[in-house]
Amino acid sequence: MRVQLISNSPDPFWLVVKAARECYSSDSTSLKSDDKLFLSMLKRDETPLEHAVFSFRISDVSRVLTHQLVRHRVASFNQQSQRYVEAEGRYFIPDLSYLSEDKHKPFLDSYHRLMLRANDLYHEAINDGVKREDARYILPPCTYSSLVMTMNLRELKRFFALRLSPRAQKEIRDLARIVLSLVVSCLPIHLAEEITSIMLGTKE
């Protein structure tokens, strides 16, 4: 999995604070007051968060993950097309460390054989003249994909709440952890711990 922050609002902290002050008409401009106002917006999930926008390029993830990701409708996505881009045969391997080796090894051996056969059949079909848009039906959902994702801070907070949950699948939990670290890196460093705690739901 590779995740790159490719664009974000200039000074997202200031944008949120500026939008919040427009609502609440506070006269205070001290740094401490700005901090409190930002954290308050984050805790209360207020609309000023929507002004701060982040774009990521995400690659080497499965289509199982991307199918979950695009359910976040307050976001924009552009995913690699299997109609126009020929698949390379690379695929996601699930972490089965929760099983004993005598159980997960036979499964993974069969899994790899099936993926190799699917990839061979896919390329055989294309070489025989089948269009990529039809040959792609052969490809399993573990096939690697890439996409660009743009979300505002309010939707990212919702994304973290859902996808960092222990109930979420491990692949998307791993993605959410990386995205969270990239978002926090764009915000004031002295607030990093508090922001992370709020996003993780561990701070009241």
C-alpha atoms as a PDB file:
ATOM      1  CA  MET A   1       0.000   0.000   0.000  1.00  0.00           C
ATOM      2  CA  ARG A   2       1.251   3.444  -0.951  1.00  0.00           C
ATOM      3  CA  VAL A   3      -0.422   6.687   0.097  1.00  0.00           C
ATOM      4  CA  GLN A   4       0.715  10.158  -0.920  1.00  0.00           C
ATOM      5  CA  LEU A   5      -0.777  13.493   0.087  1.00  0.00           C
ATOM      6  CA  ILE A   6      -0.737  15.290  -3.265  1.00  0.00           C
ATOM      7  CA  SER A   7      -2.634  18.464  -2.360  1.00  0.00           C
ATOM      8  CA  ASN A   8      -4.325  20.190   0.549  1.00  0.00           C
ATOM      9  CA  SER A   9      -5.850  23.541   1.405  1.00  0.00           C
ATOM     10  CA  PRO A  10      -3.184  26.084   2.276  1.00  0.00           C
ATOM     11  CA  ASP A  11      -3.190  26.295   6.080  1.00  0.00           C
ATOM     12  CA  PRO A  12      -6.263  24.138   6.763  1.00  0.00           C
ATOM     13  CA  PHE A  13      -6.141  25.110  10.450  1.00  0.00           C
ATOM     14  CA  TRP A  14      -6.530  28.814   9.605  1.00  0.00           C
ATOM     15  CA  LEU A  15      -9.343  28.078   7.133  1.00  0.00           C
ATOM     16  CA  VAL A  16     -11.374  26.245   9.769  1.00  0.00           C
ATOM     17  CA  VAL A  17     -10.749  28.951  12.373  1.00  0.00           C
ATOM     18  CA  LYS A  18     -11.589  31.742   9.911  1.00  0.00           C
ATOM     19  CA  ALA A  19     -14.857  30.042   8.885  1.00  0.00           C
ATOM     20  CA  ALA A  20     -15.762  29.404  12.526  1.00  0.00           C
ATOM     21  CA  ARG A  21     -15.131  33.024  13.492  1.00  0.00           C
ATOM     22  CA  GLU A  22     -17.393  34.136  10.669  1.00  0.00           C
ATOM     23  CA  CYS A  23     -20.173  32.174  12.393  1.00  0.00           C
ATOM     24  CA  TYR A  24     -19.498  33.067  15.981  1.00  0.00           C
ATOM     25  CA  SER A  25     -18.082  36.629  15.610  1.00  0.00           C
ATOM     26  CA  SER A  26     -15.439  36.181  18.281  1.00  0.00           C
ATOM     27  CA  ASP A  27     -13.147  39.139  18.948  1.00  0.00           C
ATOM     28  CA  SER A  28     -10.365  36.972  20.314  1.00  0.00           C
ATOM     29  CA  THR A  29      -7.443  36.333  17.978  1.00  0.00           C
ATOM     30  CA  SER A  30      -4.940  34.820  20.406  1.00  0.00           C
ATOM     31  CA  LEU A  31      -3.216  31.568  19.434  1.00  0.00           C
ATOM     32  CA  LYS A  32      -4.720  29.847  22.479  1.00  0.00           C
ATOM     33  CA  SER A  33      -8.196  30.937  21.446  1.00  0.00           C
ATOM     34  CA  ASP A  34      -7.589  29.749  17.864  1.00  0.00           C
ATOM     35  CA  ASP A  35      -6.503  26.368  19.189  1.00  0.00           C
ATOM     36  CA  LYS A  36      -9.579  26.028  21.380  1.00  0.00           C
ATOM     37  CA  LEU A  37     -11.865  27.078  18.547  1.00  0.00           C
ATOM     38  CA  PHE A  38     -10.340  24.579  16.108  1.00  0.00           C
ATOM     39  CA  LEU A  39     -10.520  21.712  18.589  1.00  0.00           C
ATOM     40  CA  SER A  40     -14.094  22.653  19.429  1.00  0.00           C
ATOM     41  CA  MET A  41     -15.049  22.482  15.729  1.00  0.00           C
ATOM     42  CA  LEU A  42     -13.359  19.091  15.474  1.00  0.00           C
ATOM     43  CA  LYS A  43     -15.067  17.663  18.562  1.00  0.00           C
ATOM     44  CA  ARG A  44     -18.489  18.962  17.583  1.00  0.00           C
ATOM     45  CA  ASP A  45     -18.138  17.971  13.908  1.00  0.00           C
ATOM     46  CA  GLU A  46     -19.069  21.460  12.724  1.00  0.00           C
ATOM     47  CA  THR A  47     -19.435  22.688   9.119  1.00  0.00           C
ATOM     48  CA  PRO A  48     -16.302  24.924   9.175  1.00  0.00           C
ATOM     49  CA  LEU A  49     -14.325  21.673   8.850  1.00  0.00           C
ATOM     50  CA  GLU A  50     -15.647  21.353   5.307  1.00  0.00           C
ATOM     51  CA  HIS A  51     -13.434  24.206   4.092  1.00  0.00           C
ATOM     52  CA  ALA A  52     -10.242  22.221   4.701  1.00  0.00           C
ATOM     53  CA  VAL A  53      -9.718  19.803   1.806  1.00  0.00           C
ATOM     54  CA  PHE A  54      -7.123  17.043   1.299  1.00  0.00           C
ATOM     55  CA  SER A  55      -6.278  14.984  -1.807  1.00  0.00           C
ATOM     56  CA  PHE A  56      -4.430  11.663  -1.747  1.00  0.00           C
ATOM     57  CA  ARG A  57      -3.035   9.289  -4.342  1.00  0.00           C
ATOM     58  CA  ILE A  58      -3.592   5.746  -3.127  1.00  0.00           C
ATOM     59  CA  SER A  59      -2.065   2.739  -4.875  1.00  0.00           C
ATOM     60  CA  ASP A  60      -1.352  -0.964  -4.365  1.00  0.00           C
ATOM     61  CA  VAL A  61      -4.719  -1.525  -2.742  1.00  0.00           C
ATOM     62  CA  SER A  62      -7.366  -4.077  -3.625  1.00  0.00           C
ATOM     63  CA  ARG A  63     -10.686  -3.389  -5.273  1.00  0.00           C
ATOM     64  CA  VAL A  64     -12.236  -4.847  -2.116  1.00  0.00           C
ATOM     65  CA  LEU A  65     -10.897  -1.752  -0.361  1.00  0.00           C
ATOM     66  CA  THR A  66     -11.878   0.710  -3.102  1.00  0.00           C
ATOM     67  CA  HIS A  67     -15.454  -0.628  -3.147  1.00  0.00           C
ATOM     68  CA  GLN A  68     -15.669   0.264   0.551  1.00  0.00           C
ATOM     69  CA  LEU A  69     -13.963   3.605   0.042  1.00  0.00           C
ATOM     70  CA  VAL A  70     -16.343   4.959  -2.577  1.00  0.00           C
ATOM     71  CA  ARG A  71     -19.244   4.554  -0.151  1.00  0.00           C
ATOM     72  CA  HIS A  72     -18.031   7.807   1.391  1.00  0.00           C
ATOM     73  CA  ARG A  73     -20.192   9.991  -0.809  1.00  0.00           C
ATOM     74  CA  VAL A  74     -19.030  13.398   0.456  1.00  0.00           C
ATOM     75  CA  ALA A  75     -15.781  12.899  -1.414  1.00  0.00           C
ATOM     76  CA  SER A  76     -14.363  12.751  -4.937  1.00  0.00           C
ATOM     77  CA  PHE A  77     -12.695   9.708  -6.477  1.00  0.00           C
ATOM     78  CA  ASN A  78     -10.916   8.885  -9.723  1.00  0.00           C
ATOM     79  CA  GLN A  79      -9.952   5.223  -9.905  1.00  0.00           C
ATOM     80  CA  GLN A  80      -7.756   3.437 -12.408  1.00  0.00           C
ATOM     81  CA  SER A  81     -10.006   2.030 -15.141  1.00  0.00           C
ATOM     82  CA  GLN A  82      -9.840  -1.683 -15.920  1.00  0.00           C
ATOM     83  CA  ARG A  83     -11.504  -0.854 -19.217  1.00  0.00           C
ATOM     84  CA  TYR A  84      -8.594   1.244 -20.472  1.00  0.00           C
ATOM     85  CA  VAL A  85      -5.634   0.077 -18.370  1.00  0.00           C
ATOM     86  CA  GLU A  86      -4.415  -3.488 -18.728  1.00  0.00           C
ATOM     87  CA  ALA A  87      -4.009  -5.263 -15.397  1.00  0.00           C
ATOM     88  CA  GLU A  88      -0.442  -6.118 -14.384  1.00  0.00           C
ATOM     89  CA  GLY A  89      -1.308  -9.271 -12.500  1.00  0.00           C
ATOM     90  CA  ARG A  90      -0.497  -7.823  -9.075  1.00  0.00           C
ATOM     91  CA  TYR A  91      -2.925  -8.548  -6.253  1.00  0.00           C
ATOM     92  CA  PHE A  92      -3.511  -8.081  -2.535  1.00  0.00           C
ATOM     93  CA  ILE A  93      -2.630 -10.881  -0.133  1.00  0.00           C
ATOM     94  CA  PRO A  94      -4.767 -10.842   3.027  1.00  0.00           C
ATOM     95  CA  ASP A  95      -3.157 -11.063   6.446  1.00  0.00           C
ATOM     96  CA  LEU A  96      -4.271 -14.370   7.945  1.00  0.00           C
ATOM     97  CA  SER A  97      -1.970 -14.258  10.946  1.00  0.00           C
ATOM     98  CA  TYR A  98      -5.030 -14.755  13.171  1.00  0.00           C
ATOM     99  CA  LEU A  99      -5.055 -18.387  11.926  1.00  0.00           C
ATOM    100  CA  SER A 100      -2.510 -21.061  12.735  1.00  0.00           C
ATOM    101  CA  GLU A 101       0.000 -21.772   9.951  1.00  0.00           C
ATOM    102  CA  ASP A 102      -1.441 -25.228   9.262  1.00  0.00           C
ATOM    103  CA  LYS A 103      -4.739 -23.515   8.441  1.00  0.00           C
ATOM    104  CA  HIS A 104      -3.712 -20.362   6.580  1.00  0.00           C
ATOM    105  CA  LYS A 105      -0.880 -21.893   4.507  1.00  0.00           C
ATOM    106  CA  PRO A 106      -3.111 -24.285   2.490  1.00  0.00           C
ATOM    107  CA  PHE A 107      -5.569 -21.454   1.881  1.00  0.00           C
ATOM    108  CA  LEU A 108      -2.871 -19.061   0.676  1.00  0.00           C
ATOM    109  CA  ASP A 109      -1.294 -21.727  -1.549  1.00  0.00           C
ATOM    110  CA  SER A 110      -4.666 -22.247  -3.259  1.00  0.00           C
ATOM    111  CA  TYR A 111      -5.243 -18.504  -3.328  1.00  0.00           C
ATOM    112  CA  HIS A 112      -1.980 -17.847  -5.197  1.00  0.00           C
ATOM    113  CA  ARG A 113      -2.680 -20.628  -7.703  1.00  0.00           C
ATOM    114  CA  LEU A 114      -6.135 -19.202  -8.381  1.00  0.00           C
ATOM    115  CA  MET A 115      -4.806 -15.661  -8.832  1.00  0.00           C
ATOM    116  CA  LEU A 116      -2.098 -16.852 -11.233  1.00  0.00           C
ATOM    117  CA  ARG A 117      -4.649 -18.778 -13.262  1.00  0.00           C
ATOM    118  CA  ALA A 118      -7.008 -15.808 -13.370  1.00  0.00           C
ATOM    119  CA  ASN A 119      -4.182 -13.565 -14.547  1.00  0.00           C
ATOM    120  CA  ASP A 120      -3.127 -16.082 -17.216  1.00  0.00           C
ATOM    121  CA  LEU A 121      -6.693 -16.422 -18.468  1.00  0.00           C
ATOM    122  CA  TYR A 122      -7.105 -12.634 -18.520  1.00  0.00           C
ATOM    123  CA  HIS A 123      -4.041 -12.129 -20.722  1.00  0.00           C
ATOM    124  CA  GLU A 124      -4.892 -15.120 -22.909  1.00  0.00           C
ATOM    125  CA  ALA A 125      -8.296 -13.569 -23.537  1.00  0.00           C
ATOM    126  CA  ILE A 126      -6.776 -10.189 -24.472  1.00  0.00           C
ATOM    127  CA  ASN A 127      -4.243 -11.886 -26.778  1.00  0.00           C
ATOM    128  CA  ASP A 128      -7.145 -13.698 -28.444  1.00  0.00           C
ATOM    129  CA  GLY A 129      -8.848 -10.396 -29.188  1.00  0.00           C
ATOM    130  CA  VAL A 130     -11.199 -10.047 -26.215  1.00  0.00           C
ATOM    131  CA  LYS A 131     -11.562  -6.382 -25.250  1.00  0.00           C
ATOM    132  CA  ARG A 132     -10.132  -5.343 -21.886  1.00  0.00           C
ATOM    133  CA  GLU A 133     -13.586  -4.188 -20.822  1.00  0.00           C
ATOM    134  CA  ASP A 134     -14.827  -7.775 -21.215  1.00  0.00           C
ATOM    135  CA  ALA A 135     -11.670  -9.595 -20.096  1.00  0.00           C
ATOM    136  CA  ARG A 136     -11.779  -7.698 -16.794  1.00  0.00           C
ATOM    137  CA  TYR A 137     -14.718  -9.852 -15.666  1.00  0.00           C
ATOM    138  CA  ILE A 138     -12.098 -12.526 -15.013  1.00  0.00           C
ATOM    139  CA  LEU A 139     -10.172 -10.365 -12.566  1.00  0.00           C
ATOM    140  CA  PRO A 140     -10.861 -11.030  -8.868  1.00  0.00           C
ATOM    141  CA  PRO A 141     -11.547  -8.192  -6.389  1.00  0.00           C
ATOM    142  CA  CYS A 142      -8.098  -8.624  -4.822  1.00  0.00           C
ATOM    143  CA  THR A 143      -6.547  -7.174  -8.016  1.00  0.00           C
ATOM    144  CA  TYR A 144      -4.464  -4.102  -7.254  1.00  0.00           C
ATOM    145  CA  SER A 145      -5.886  -0.716  -8.117  1.00  0.00           C
ATOM    146  CA  SER A 146      -5.028   2.942  -7.643  1.00  0.00           C
ATOM    147  CA  LEU A 147      -7.040   6.108  -7.234  1.00  0.00           C
ATOM    148  CA  VAL A 148      -7.037   9.763  -6.270  1.00  0.00           C
ATOM    149  CA  MET A 149      -9.301  10.621  -3.336  1.00  0.00           C
ATOM    150  CA  THR A 150     -10.312  14.077  -2.142  1.00  0.00           C
ATOM    151  CA  MET A 151     -12.140  14.624   1.154  1.00  0.00           C
ATOM    152  CA  ASN A 152     -12.823  17.572   3.390  1.00  0.00           C
ATOM    153  CA  LEU A 153     -11.889  17.420   7.049  1.00  0.00           C
ATOM    154  CA  ARG A 154     -15.437  16.811   8.211  1.00  0.00           C
ATOM    155  CA  GLU A 155     -15.826  13.741   5.992  1.00  0.00           C
ATOM    156  CA  LEU A 156     -12.343  12.560   6.940  1.00  0.00           C
ATOM    157  CA  LYS A 157     -13.421  12.605  10.576  1.00  0.00           C
ATOM    158  CA  ARG A 158     -16.348  10.347   9.657  1.00  0.00           C
ATOM    159  CA  PHE A 159     -14.012   8.173   7.580  1.00  0.00           C
ATOM    160  CA  PHE A 160     -11.708   7.694  10.563  1.00  0.00           C
ATOM    161  CA  ALA A 161     -14.605   6.908  12.894  1.00  0.00           C
ATOM    162  CA  LEU A 162     -15.782   4.112  10.598  1.00  0.00           C
ATOM    163  CA  ARG A 163     -12.528   2.789   9.174  1.00  0.00           C
ATOM    164  CA  LEU A 164     -10.349   2.850  12.287  1.00  0.00           C
ATOM    165  CA  SER A 165     -12.918   0.796  14.144  1.00  0.00           C
ATOM    166  CA  PRO A 166     -11.761  -2.703  15.173  1.00  0.00           C
ATOM    167  CA  ARG A 167     -14.759  -3.958  13.173  1.00  0.00           C
ATOM    168  CA  ALA A 168     -13.324  -2.543   9.926  1.00  0.00           C
ATOM    169  CA  GLN A 169     -11.340  -4.802   7.613  1.00  0.00           C
ATOM    170  CA  LYS A 170      -7.578  -4.674   8.211  1.00  0.00           C
ATOM    171  CA  GLU A 171      -6.635  -3.340   4.768  1.00  0.00           C
ATOM    172  CA  ILE A 172      -8.831  -0.252   5.082  1.00  0.00           C
ATOM    173  CA  ARG A 173      -7.803   0.227   8.737  1.00  0.00           C
ATOM    174  CA  ASP A 174      -4.197   0.372   7.558  1.00  0.00           C
ATOM    175  CA  LEU A 175      -5.156   2.961   4.949  1.00  0.00           C
ATOM    176  CA  ALA A 176      -7.049   5.071   7.486  1.00  0.00           C
ATOM    177  CA  ARG A 177      -4.061   5.110   9.859  1.00  0.00           C
ATOM    178  CA  ILE A 178      -1.758   6.408   7.115  1.00  0.00           C
ATOM    179  CA  VAL A 179      -4.272   9.022   5.951  1.00  0.00           C
ATOM    180  CA  LEU A 180      -4.761  10.204   9.537  1.00  0.00           C
ATOM    181  CA  SER A 181      -1.019  10.694  10.024  1.00  0.00           C
ATOM    182  CA  LEU A 182      -0.811  12.701   6.774  1.00  0.00           C
ATOM    183  CA  VAL A 183      -3.753  14.922   7.747  1.00  0.00           C
ATOM    184  CA  VAL A 184      -2.357  15.568  11.223  1.00  0.00           C
ATOM    185  CA  SER A 185       1.015  16.493   9.673  1.00  0.00           C
ATOM    186  CA  CYS A 186      -0.706  19.449   7.936  1.00  0.00           C
ATOM    187  CA  LEU A 187      -2.054  20.846  11.216  1.00  0.00           C
ATOM    188  CA  PRO A 188      -0.233  22.614  14.082  1.00  0.00           C
ATOM    189  CA  ILE A 189       2.296  20.231  15.585  1.00  0.00           C
ATOM    190  CA  HIS A 190       1.528  21.327  19.153  1.00  0.00           C
ATOM    191  CA  LEU A 191      -2.070  20.094  18.632  1.00  0.00           C
ATOM    192  CA  ALA A 192      -1.147  16.780  17.004  1.00  0.00           C
ATOM    193  CA  GLU A 193      -1.788  14.623  20.058  1.00  0.00           C
ATOM    194  CA  GLU A 194      -5.172  16.187  20.816  1.00  0.00           C
ATOM    195  CA  ILE A 195      -6.288  16.093  17.173  1.00  0.00           C
ATOM    196  CA  THR A 196      -5.324  12.434  16.885  1.00  0.00           C
ATOM    197  CA  SER A 197      -7.198  11.600  20.090  1.00  0.00           C
ATOM    198  CA  ILE A 198     -10.342  13.331  18.823  1.00  0.00           C
ATOM    199  CA  MET A 199     -10.131  11.555  15.470  1.00  0.00           C
ATOM    200  CA  LEU A 200      -9.666   8.218  17.210  1.00  0.00           C
ATOM    201  CA  GLY A 201     -12.607   8.936  19.493  1.00  0.00           C
ATOM    202  CA  THR A 202     -10.468   8.604  22.611  1.00  0.00           C
ATOM    203  CA  LYS A 203     -10.915  12.203  23.816  1.00  0.00           C
ATOM    204  CA  GLU A 204     -14.149  13.595  25.156  1.00  0.00           C
END
